[in-house]
Amino acid sequence: MEAISTPRVTCAYLNSYVGKNVIVVGKVIQLRGDEALIDADGNITAHLNREAHLAAGNGVQIIGKVNPDLSVKVLSSIDLGTGVDYSLANAVVEISHQHRELFAYD
């Protein structure tokens, strides 16, 4: 079986992962039907699936595929509640990109 990775990203990294799966941790800013606006060091539009049960103001971890318009089609999501340290989540993203050999397969 081929090893693949799902990198952690923020809004700034989305353009490098069009057509690929990513993990995003951010805060739900707004819910609009089957879409959510997520703040992950910048705003990301997430196209939700039927299993997504998110609340505005809560943190969320989404795994999804990056669309050409830099929105994310959600494959799975986890509501993280209100006690999320977003600066820590962003630091993990930065470290994982600085040391890709430890976190990703090519």
Protein backbone atom coordinates (compact mmCIF):
# COMPACT_ATOMS: atom_id res chain seq x y z
CA MET A 1 0.00 0.00 0.00
CA GLU A 2 1.32 3.42 -0.95
CA ALA A 3 1.91 5.84 1.92
CA ILE A 4 0.14 9.15 1.48
CA SER A 5 -0.15 12.12 3.79
CA THR A 6 -2.82 14.64 4.59
CA PRO A 7 -0.95 17.84 5.45
CA ARG A 8 -2.17 20.35 8.01
CA VAL A 9 -2.71 23.74 6.40
CA THR A 10 -3.99 27.23 7.02
CA CYS A 11 -5.59 29.52 4.47
CA ALA A 12 -2.18 30.68 3.20
CA TYR A 13 -1.19 27.16 2.08
CA LEU A 14 -4.37 26.18 0.20
CA ASN A 15 -3.10 27.23 -3.23
CA SER A 16 -0.32 24.61 -2.96
CA TYR A 17 -2.80 21.77 -2.42
CA VAL A 18 -5.52 22.20 -5.07
CA GLY A 19 -7.04 18.79 -5.79
CA LYS A 20 -5.49 17.23 -2.69
CA ASN A 21 -6.78 16.36 0.76
CA VAL A 22 -5.78 18.56 3.70
CA ILE A 23 -6.49 19.00 7.42
CA VAL A 24 -7.61 22.44 8.62
CA VAL A 25 -8.16 23.58 12.20
CA GLY A 26 -10.00 26.86 12.58
CA LYS A 27 -12.92 28.73 14.09
CA VAL A 28 -16.41 28.58 12.59
CA ILE A 29 -17.25 32.19 11.79
CA GLN A 30 -20.54 31.69 9.94
CA LEU A 31 -22.86 28.89 8.83
CA ARG A 32 -24.82 29.36 5.57
CA GLY A 33 -26.85 26.28 4.69
CA ASP A 34 -24.39 23.66 3.45
CA GLU A 35 -21.42 26.05 3.70
CA ALA A 36 -19.35 27.32 6.60
CA LEU A 37 -16.87 30.16 6.78
CA ILE A 38 -13.82 28.98 8.74
CA ASP A 39 -11.10 31.30 10.09
CA ALA A 40 -7.82 29.40 9.78
CA ASP A 41 -5.35 32.29 9.71
CA GLY A 42 -7.57 33.63 6.91
CA ASN A 43 -11.09 32.80 5.77
CA ILE A 44 -11.87 29.48 4.08
CA THR A 45 -15.22 28.49 2.62
CA ALA A 46 -16.02 24.89 3.55
CA HIS A 47 -18.66 22.93 1.62
CA LEU A 48 -20.17 20.72 4.31
CA ASN A 49 -21.36 17.14 4.04
CA ARG A 50 -24.52 15.83 5.71
CA GLU A 51 -22.60 14.51 8.72
CA ALA A 52 -21.17 17.94 9.63
CA HIS A 53 -22.69 19.30 12.84
CA LEU A 54 -20.89 22.57 13.53
CA ALA A 55 -21.69 25.57 15.69
CA ALA A 56 -20.72 29.17 15.00
CA GLY A 57 -17.98 30.29 17.38
CA ASN A 58 -16.66 26.79 17.97
CA GLY A 59 -13.42 25.34 16.71
CA VAL A 60 -13.46 22.70 14.02
CA GLN A 61 -11.08 20.25 12.43
CA ILE A 62 -11.96 19.42 8.85
CA ILE A 63 -10.44 16.96 6.46
CA GLY A 64 -11.31 17.83 2.90
CA LYS A 65 -10.29 18.28 -0.69
CA VAL A 66 -9.12 21.71 -1.89
CA ASN A 67 -11.15 22.99 -4.85
CA PRO A 68 -9.69 25.20 -7.64
CA ASP A 69 -11.42 28.24 -6.07
CA LEU A 70 -9.54 27.44 -2.79
CA SER A 71 -12.69 26.38 -0.98
CA VAL A 72 -12.65 22.98 0.72
CA LYS A 73 -15.08 20.11 0.13
CA VAL A 74 -15.44 18.58 3.60
CA LEU A 75 -15.00 14.82 3.82
CA SER A 76 -15.12 14.71 7.63
CA SER A 77 -15.34 17.23 10.44
CA ILE A 78 -15.02 17.33 14.21
CA ASP A 79 -16.49 20.10 16.37
CA LEU A 80 -13.71 21.03 18.82
CA GLY A 81 -15.79 23.26 21.09
CA THR A 82 -14.66 26.61 22.44
CA GLY A 83 -11.34 25.80 24.14
CA VAL A 84 -9.13 25.70 21.05
CA ASP A 85 -5.65 27.25 21.06
CA TYR A 86 -5.53 28.53 17.47
CA SER A 87 -1.99 29.88 17.83
CA LEU A 88 -0.84 26.37 18.73
CA ALA A 89 -2.73 24.88 15.78
CA ASN A 90 -1.09 27.43 13.45
CA ALA A 91 2.34 26.70 14.96
CA VAL A 92 1.89 22.98 14.19
CA VAL A 93 1.11 23.90 10.57
CA GLU A 94 4.22 26.06 10.29
CA ILE A 95 6.50 23.43 11.86
CA SER A 96 5.08 20.67 9.67
CA HIS A 97 5.85 22.74 6.57
CA GLN A 98 9.33 23.69 7.75
CA HIS A 99 10.16 20.03 8.43
CA ARG A 100 8.18 18.27 5.70
CA GLU A 101 10.41 15.20 5.80
CA LEU A 102 9.08 14.43 9.30
CA PHE A 103 5.41 14.94 8.47
CA ALA A 104 4.77 14.13 4.82
CA TYR A 105 5.38 11.55 2.15
CA ASP A 106 6.05 12.63 -1.43
